[in-house]
């Protein structure tokens, strides 16, 4: 049978064309499917973005119950895990009588000290097992200021007492003192606002800010701090160990304690009971100062005996008379002039009712300023 080359060529061309058309159609279908999938993913991402934004708005609203707007913004940088923990801790603070927003401002606190440089955004969590990004290997919980659920921290007042103890424990360590300074600055700024907001002008019988125990600890702690500052070392049981006998430094330390207690009570508690305690401490300290000046006037040297108050004031201005120094000065009286002994206490104690820095302890009707006197 003869081979028809022309017919074979036509058939081959037709088959090749059909194959090309089929492949083209298949590719078009595949491209369409790819476009469809891509569009679907795009819609899914947009939907997720909208859902995430809705979640973020809802979370921000929840956090705003406890934290200020700028604090909320910072907290949300910690990702889902950090946010959940921040809410949990806020509930804990509230239960223990703390303002979560106030606690947020404390050094070494719950949230503000976390490393947010690479922390995950809202809607995502770290891919690193057990440690959100940006935490440097530490758990998020470890960055929270631990507050044990004990009676020691049940109130803002007890936290104030604890801060005072931290200051006492810091001793003369400049770094530790700086940390306590920062804590106290932030504590009083926030706590005073909180307490002032609670007070009502019409309250005739305000609730005491301190418990009896906290008030006792605060007073004794402030006394211990003042004595340490006057180099009157306090030993076990509050026993004075410094060389305070034969001086009036203990009385001056009591005035220091009164002034510091008055300042702190003004800032936060404004408690009438504590004001009364401060007045009692102040009065006793002044009586002790006067008794010391009266008992020791014969030991006052000639350079601290003055013929009038102007001479005395001049020496104070020159720095030759300091706080706690005793002196003798001649003062006009009804029938002439008379010497009196006293103590210079300076101008720092006006807040606690000591208006004049020059105290007169006792009149000396028989005193004669002999040049041979020591």
Protein backbone atom coordinates (compact mmCIF):
# COMPACT_ATOMS: atom_id res chain seq x y z
CA UNK A 1 0.00 0.00 0.00
CA UNK A 2 1.39 3.32 -0.96
CA UNK A 3 2.28 5.78 1.94
CA UNK A 4 0.43 9.14 1.73
CA UNK A 5 3.03 11.63 3.08
CA UNK A 6 0.71 14.58 2.60
CA UNK A 7 -2.09 13.04 4.62
CA UNK A 8 0.29 12.07 7.43
CA UNK A 9 1.71 15.58 7.63
CA UNK A 10 -1.75 17.10 7.86
CA UNK A 11 -2.79 14.68 10.60
CA UNK A 12 0.36 15.33 12.63
CA UNK A 13 -0.08 19.09 12.41
CA UNK A 14 -3.70 18.78 13.52
CA UNK A 15 -2.71 16.67 16.54
CA UNK A 16 0.10 19.08 17.50
CA UNK A 17 -2.29 22.02 17.31
CA UNK A 18 -4.82 20.21 19.50
CA UNK A 19 -2.12 19.48 22.11
CA UNK A 20 -0.96 23.08 22.16
CA UNK A 21 -4.56 24.31 22.50
CA UNK A 22 -5.15 21.87 25.37
CA UNK A 23 -1.98 22.98 27.21
CA UNK A 24 -2.88 26.64 26.69
CA UNK A 25 -6.35 26.06 28.10
CA UNK A 26 -4.90 24.14 31.02
CA UNK A 27 -2.42 26.96 31.77
CA UNK A 28 -5.22 29.53 31.59
CA UNK A 29 -7.23 27.48 34.04
CA UNK A 30 -4.23 27.20 36.35
CA UNK A 31 -3.59 30.96 36.19
CA UNK A 32 -7.22 31.60 36.98
CA UNK A 33 -7.03 29.28 39.97
CA UNK A 34 -3.84 30.98 41.19
CA UNK A 35 -5.48 34.40 40.88
CA UNK A 36 -8.53 33.13 42.71
CA UNK A 37 -6.43 31.71 45.55
CA UNK A 38 -4.37 34.91 45.78
CA UNK A 39 -7.52 37.03 45.92
CA UNK A 40 -8.95 34.71 48.57
CA UNK A 41 -5.80 35.06 50.71
CA UNK A 42 -5.90 38.81 50.27
CA UNK A 43 -9.50 38.89 51.48
CA UNK A 44 -8.60 36.63 54.39
CA UNK A 45 -5.72 38.89 55.41
CA UNK A 46 -7.93 41.96 55.24
CA UNK A 47 -10.59 40.20 57.26
CA UNK A 48 -7.98 39.15 59.83
CA UNK A 49 -6.65 42.71 59.97
CA UNK A 50 -10.13 44.02 60.68
CA UNK A 51 -10.68 41.31 63.30
CA UNK A 52 -7.30 42.07 64.90
CA UNK A 53 -8.12 45.78 65.03
CA UNK A 54 -11.46 44.98 66.64
CA UNK A 55 -9.65 42.75 69.16
CA UNK A 56 -7.11 45.50 69.83
CA UNK A 57 -9.87 48.05 70.42
CA UNK A 58 -11.64 45.68 72.79
CA UNK A 59 -8.42 44.92 74.69
CA UNK A 60 -7.53 48.62 74.92
CA UNK A 61 -10.96 49.32 76.37
CA UNK A 62 -10.43 46.56 78.95
CA UNK A 63 -6.98 47.86 79.92
CA UNK A 64 -8.32 51.41 80.24
CA UNK A 65 -10.23 50.24 83.31
CA UNK A 66 -6.92 49.98 85.11
CA UNK A 67 -4.32 52.03 83.25
CA UNK A 68 -3.89 55.47 81.71
CA UNK A 69 -3.92 55.89 77.88
CA UNK A 70 -0.14 56.10 77.53
CA UNK A 71 0.22 53.09 79.80
CA UNK A 72 -2.28 51.12 77.71
CA UNK A 73 -0.31 51.89 74.56
CA UNK A 74 2.89 50.65 76.19
CA UNK A 75 1.27 47.50 77.58
CA UNK A 76 -0.13 46.51 74.19
CA UNK A 77 3.37 46.35 72.76
CA UNK A 78 3.92 43.24 74.85
CA UNK A 79 1.70 40.98 72.72
CA UNK A 80 -1.24 38.82 73.77
CA UNK A 81 0.56 37.11 76.60
CA UNK A 82 1.81 40.34 78.12
CA UNK A 83 -1.62 41.95 77.84
CA UNK A 84 -3.34 39.02 79.50
CA UNK A 85 -0.85 39.11 82.33
CA UNK A 86 -1.17 42.87 82.74
CA UNK A 87 -4.93 42.50 83.20
CA UNK A 88 -4.43 39.67 85.68
CA UNK A 89 -1.94 41.70 87.71
CA UNK A 90 -4.23 44.73 87.63
CA UNK A 91 -6.95 42.59 89.18
CA UNK A 92 -4.44 41.45 91.82
CA UNK A 93 -3.40 45.02 92.67
CA UNK A 94 -7.03 46.10 92.92
CA UNK A 95 -7.79 43.21 95.26
CA UNK A 96 -4.85 44.20 97.47
CA UNK A 97 -5.93 47.84 97.66
CA UNK A 98 -3.49 49.27 95.09
CA UNK A 99 -4.17 51.45 92.08
CA UNK A 100 -2.75 49.52 89.05
CA UNK A 101 -1.93 52.80 87.32
CA UNK A 102 0.11 53.85 90.36
CA UNK A 103 1.90 50.51 90.47
CA UNK A 104 2.74 50.93 86.78
CA UNK A 105 4.86 53.99 87.64
CA UNK A 106 6.94 52.19 90.26
CA UNK A 107 10.57 51.32 89.41
CA UNK A 108 11.09 47.58 88.70
CA UNK A 109 7.37 47.30 88.19
CA UNK A 110 5.08 45.06 86.19
CA UNK A 111 5.15 46.42 82.70
CA UNK A 112 7.08 49.59 82.11
CA UNK A 113 10.48 47.95 82.54
CA UNK A 114 10.02 45.21 79.96
CA UNK A 115 12.13 45.42 76.81
CA UNK A 116 9.67 46.38 74.08
CA UNK A 117 12.25 47.00 71.37
CA UNK A 118 11.30 43.80 69.52
CA UNK A 119 8.17 42.78 71.38
CA UNK A 120 5.36 41.33 69.30
CA UNK A 121 2.40 43.44 68.31
CA UNK A 122 -1.18 42.84 69.26
CA UNK A 123 -2.59 39.72 67.65
CA UNK A 124 0.70 37.82 67.57
CA UNK A 125 2.88 35.95 70.02
CA UNK A 126 6.49 34.88 69.92
CA UNK A 127 7.56 31.83 67.93
CA UNK A 128 10.19 31.17 70.59
CA UNK A 129 8.77 28.59 72.95
CA UNK A 130 8.14 29.89 76.46
CA UNK A 131 9.53 33.41 75.98
CA UNK A 132 7.83 36.32 74.19
CA UNK A 133 10.13 38.28 71.91
CA UNK A 134 12.06 41.13 73.45
CA UNK A 135 12.27 39.58 76.92
CA UNK A 136 15.92 38.53 76.65
CA UNK A 137 15.21 35.01 77.85
CA UNK A 138 13.34 36.13 80.99
CA UNK A 139 9.68 35.34 81.42
CA UNK A 140 7.26 38.24 81.22
CA UNK A 141 6.04 37.45 84.74
CA UNK A 142 9.54 37.89 86.14
CA UNK A 143 9.48 41.54 85.06
CA UNK A 144 6.51 42.25 87.34
CA UNK A 145 7.08 43.72 90.78
CA UNK A 146 6.31 40.90 93.16
CA UNK A 147 3.82 41.76 95.88
CA UNK A 148 3.26 38.91 98.26
CA UNK A 149 -0.37 38.50 99.37
CA UNK A 150 0.45 39.23 103.00
CA UNK A 151 -0.75 41.83 105.48
CA UNK A 152 2.42 43.83 104.86
CA UNK A 153 1.06 45.20 101.58
CA UNK A 154 -2.70 45.24 102.06
CA UNK A 155 -2.90 49.05 101.88
CA UNK A 156 -1.14 52.01 100.34
CA UNK A 157 -0.22 53.08 103.88
CA UNK A 158 1.62 49.82 104.52
CA UNK A 159 3.48 50.26 101.22
CA UNK A 160 4.57 53.70 102.43
CA UNK A 161 5.92 52.09 105.61
CA UNK A 162 7.76 49.50 103.52
CA UNK A 163 9.40 52.27 101.46
CA UNK A 164 10.60 53.91 104.67
CA UNK A 165 12.15 50.62 105.76
CA UNK A 166 13.90 50.38 102.38
CA UNK A 167 15.42 53.81 103.01
CA UNK A 168 16.62 52.77 106.45
CA UNK A 169 18.10 49.57 105.04
CA UNK A 170 19.86 51.56 102.28
CA UNK A 171 22.07 53.16 104.93
CA UNK A 172 24.69 55.31 103.22
CA UNK A 173 24.71 53.39 99.91
CA UNK A 174 24.25 56.17 97.33
CA UNK A 175 22.91 53.84 94.61
CA UNK A 176 20.31 52.27 96.89
CA UNK A 177 19.29 55.68 98.22
CA UNK A 178 18.81 56.93 94.64
CA UNK A 179 16.49 53.99 93.92
CA UNK A 180 14.43 54.71 97.05
CA UNK A 181 14.30 58.42 96.15
CA UNK A 182 12.80 57.53 92.77
CA UNK A 183 10.30 55.11 94.27
CA UNK A 184 9.16 57.64 96.86
CA UNK A 185 8.89 60.43 94.30
CA UNK A 186 6.61 58.33 92.12
CA UNK A 187 4.71 56.84 95.06
CA UNK A 188 3.82 60.18 96.64
CA UNK A 189 2.93 61.75 93.29
CA UNK A 190 0.45 58.98 92.51
CA UNK A 191 -0.79 58.00 95.96
CA UNK A 192 -1.54 61.58 96.98
CA UNK A 193 -3.72 62.07 93.89
CA UNK A 194 -5.56 58.86 94.65
CA UNK A 195 -6.22 59.72 98.29
CA UNK A 196 -7.20 63.32 97.55
CA UNK A 197 -9.72 62.05 95.01
CA UNK A 198 -11.31 59.89 97.70
CA UNK A 199 -11.72 62.72 100.19
CA UNK A 200 -14.93 64.69 100.39
CA UNK A 201 -15.00 68.23 101.85
CA UNK A 202 -18.15 67.41 103.78
CA UNK A 203 -16.60 64.39 105.55
CA UNK A 204 -16.97 65.19 109.25
CA UNK A 205 -15.45 61.90 110.41
CA UNK A 206 -12.83 60.81 107.88
CA UNK A 207 -11.60 57.24 108.05
CA UNK A 208 -8.08 56.86 109.46
CA UNK A 209 -5.52 56.35 106.72
CA UNK A 210 -3.11 54.25 108.82
CA UNK A 211 -3.82 51.21 110.92
CA UNK A 212 -2.46 51.47 114.46
CA UNK A 213 0.33 49.07 113.48
CA UNK A 214 1.29 51.00 110.34
CA UNK A 215 1.24 54.31 112.21
CA UNK A 216 3.47 52.87 114.92
CA UNK A 217 5.90 51.50 112.33
CA UNK A 218 5.94 54.78 110.42
CA UNK A 219 6.70 56.88 113.50
CA UNK A 220 9.39 54.55 114.82
CA UNK A 221 10.90 54.11 111.37
CA UNK A 222 11.11 57.86 110.84
CA UNK A 223 12.71 58.26 114.25
CA UNK A 224 15.27 55.57 113.45
CA UNK A 225 16.11 57.22 110.12
CA UNK A 226 16.47 60.66 111.75
CA UNK A 227 18.74 59.25 114.47
CA UNK A 228 20.91 57.49 111.91
CA UNK A 229 21.22 60.76 109.98
CA UNK A 230 22.37 62.44 113.20
CA UNK A 231 24.88 59.58 113.66
CA UNK A 232 22.99 58.21 116.62
CA UNK A 233 23.27 54.53 115.70
CA UNK A 234 20.20 52.52 116.59
CA UNK A 235 20.86 48.99 117.78
CA UNK A 236 18.63 46.01 118.53
CA UNK A 237 15.32 46.96 120.08
CA UNK A 238 15.82 50.61 119.13
CA UNK A 239 18.57 51.15 121.72
CA UNK A 240 20.72 54.20 121.00
CA UNK A 241 24.37 53.29 120.58
CA UNK A 242 25.96 56.54 119.38
CA UNK A 243 27.72 59.14 121.52
CA UNK A 244 24.61 61.17 122.21
CA UNK A 245 24.99 61.72 125.95
CA UNK A 246 26.16 65.20 126.79
CA UNK A 247 24.64 66.61 123.60
CA UNK A 248 21.23 67.62 122.30
CA UNK A 249 21.46 65.62 119.05
CA UNK A 250 18.72 63.21 120.13
CA UNK A 251 16.29 66.11 120.56
CA UNK A 252 17.24 67.48 117.14
CA UNK A 253 16.70 64.04 115.61
CA UNK A 254 13.21 64.04 117.10
CA UNK A 255 12.50 67.38 115.43
CA UNK A 256 13.78 65.95 112.14
CA UNK A 257 11.45 62.97 112.52
CA UNK A 258 8.51 65.28 113.27
CA UNK A 259 9.19 67.38 110.19
CA UNK A 260 9.47 64.36 107.90
CA UNK A 261 6.33 62.77 109.34
CA UNK A 262 4.45 66.05 108.89
CA UNK A 263 5.57 66.34 105.27
CA UNK A 264 4.57 62.77 104.41
CA UNK A 265 1.24 63.03 106.22
CA UNK A 266 0.45 66.17 104.22
CA UNK A 267 1.24 64.38 100.97
CA UNK A 268 -0.92 61.31 101.48
CA UNK A 269 -2.76 60.45 104.68
CA UNK A 270 -3.59 63.89 106.13
CA UNK A 271 -4.57 61.95 109.22
CA UNK A 272 -5.53 63.94 112.31
CA UNK A 273 -4.30 61.26 114.70
CA UNK A 274 -0.82 61.39 113.15
CA UNK A 275 -0.78 65.21 113.26
CA UNK A 276 -1.46 64.96 117.00
CA UNK A 277 1.36 62.44 117.42
CA UNK A 278 3.70 64.78 115.52
CA UNK A 279 2.78 67.68 117.78
CA UNK A 280 3.49 65.55 120.85
CA UNK A 281 6.89 64.47 119.50
CA UNK A 282 7.73 68.10 118.65
CA UNK A 283 6.72 69.44 122.06
CA UNK A 284 8.74 66.78 123.87
CA UNK A 285 11.78 67.48 121.68
CA UNK A 286 11.59 71.23 122.38
CA UNK A 287 11.27 70.61 126.11
CA UNK A 288 14.35 68.39 125.95
CA UNK A 289 16.29 71.05 124.04
CA UNK A 290 15.34 73.68 126.60
CA UNK A 291 16.26 71.40 129.49
CA UNK A 292 19.66 70.73 127.95
CA UNK A 293 20.37 74.44 127.43
CA UNK A 294 19.27 75.26 130.97
CA UNK A 295 21.34 72.47 132.55
CA UNK A 296 24.48 73.22 130.56
CA UNK A 297 24.56 77.02 130.33
CA UNK A 298 27.73 77.15 132.48
CA UNK A 299 29.58 75.19 129.74
CA UNK A 300 28.80 77.77 127.06
CA UNK A 301 32.02 79.42 125.90
CA UNK A 302 32.59 83.16 125.71
CA UNK A 303 32.33 83.32 121.92
CA UNK A 304 28.68 82.29 122.21
CA UNK A 305 27.71 84.92 124.78
CA UNK A 306 26.13 88.02 123.22
CA UNK A 307 25.17 91.44 124.49
CA UNK A 308 22.08 91.62 122.26
CA UNK A 309 20.11 89.66 119.68
CA UNK A 310 21.67 91.53 116.77
CA UNK A 311 25.10 90.17 117.68
CA UNK A 312 23.63 86.68 117.90
CA UNK A 313 21.94 86.94 114.50
CA UNK A 314 25.10 88.29 112.93
CA UNK A 315 27.05 85.24 114.09
CA UNK A 316 24.33 82.97 112.73
CA UNK A 317 24.60 84.66 109.34
CA UNK A 318 28.37 84.26 109.43
CA UNK A 319 27.96 80.55 110.11
CA UNK A 320 29.53 80.68 113.58
CA UNK A 321 26.28 79.52 115.18
CA UNK A 322 24.64 76.41 113.78
CA UNK A 323 21.48 74.40 114.40
CA UNK A 324 21.68 72.86 117.86
CA UNK A 325 24.20 75.33 119.26
CA UNK A 326 23.38 76.78 122.66
CA UNK A 327 24.08 80.42 123.49
CA UNK A 328 23.58 83.13 126.08
CA UNK A 329 22.14 86.46 125.07
CA UNK A 330 21.15 89.66 126.93
CA UNK A 331 17.51 90.58 126.32
CA UNK A 332 15.56 93.72 127.34
CA UNK A 333 13.00 93.08 130.08
CA UNK A 334 10.52 95.27 131.91
CA UNK A 335 12.97 96.56 134.50
CA UNK A 336 16.12 96.59 132.38
CA UNK A 337 18.06 93.74 130.79
CA UNK A 338 18.65 90.09 131.67
CA UNK A 339 20.71 87.23 130.30
CA UNK A 340 18.97 84.13 128.99
CA UNK A 341 20.17 80.83 127.61
CA UNK A 342 18.70 79.21 124.54
CA UNK A 343 19.23 77.02 121.47
CA UNK A 344 19.36 77.95 117.81
CA UNK A 345 17.10 75.57 115.84
CA UNK A 346 17.15 77.30 112.47
CA UNK A 347 14.34 78.07 110.06
CA UNK A 348 13.62 74.54 108.79
CA UNK A 349 11.02 73.61 111.38
CA UNK A 350 8.41 76.29 110.71
CA UNK A 351 6.03 73.71 109.23
CA UNK A 352 5.76 72.01 112.61
CA UNK A 353 5.07 75.23 114.50
CA UNK A 354 8.57 76.46 115.40
CA UNK A 355 8.28 79.96 114.03
CA UNK A 356 11.44 81.38 115.56
CA UNK A 357 14.84 79.81 115.09
CA UNK A 358 16.00 81.38 118.37
CA UNK A 359 14.63 79.57 121.40
CA UNK A 360 14.85 80.95 124.92
CA UNK A 361 15.21 78.09 127.39
CA UNK A 362 15.68 79.88 130.70
CA UNK A 363 16.34 83.27 132.21
CA UNK A 364 19.62 83.63 134.14
CA UNK A 365 18.94 86.30 136.79
CA UNK A 366 22.25 85.75 138.60
CA UNK A 367 24.43 85.20 135.54
CA UNK A 368 27.62 87.25 135.16
CA UNK A 369 29.77 86.77 132.07
CA UNK A 370 33.13 86.37 133.81
CA UNK A 371 36.17 86.38 131.53
CA UNK A 372 37.62 83.45 133.46
CA UNK A 373 34.59 81.29 132.77
CA UNK A 374 35.42 78.39 130.36
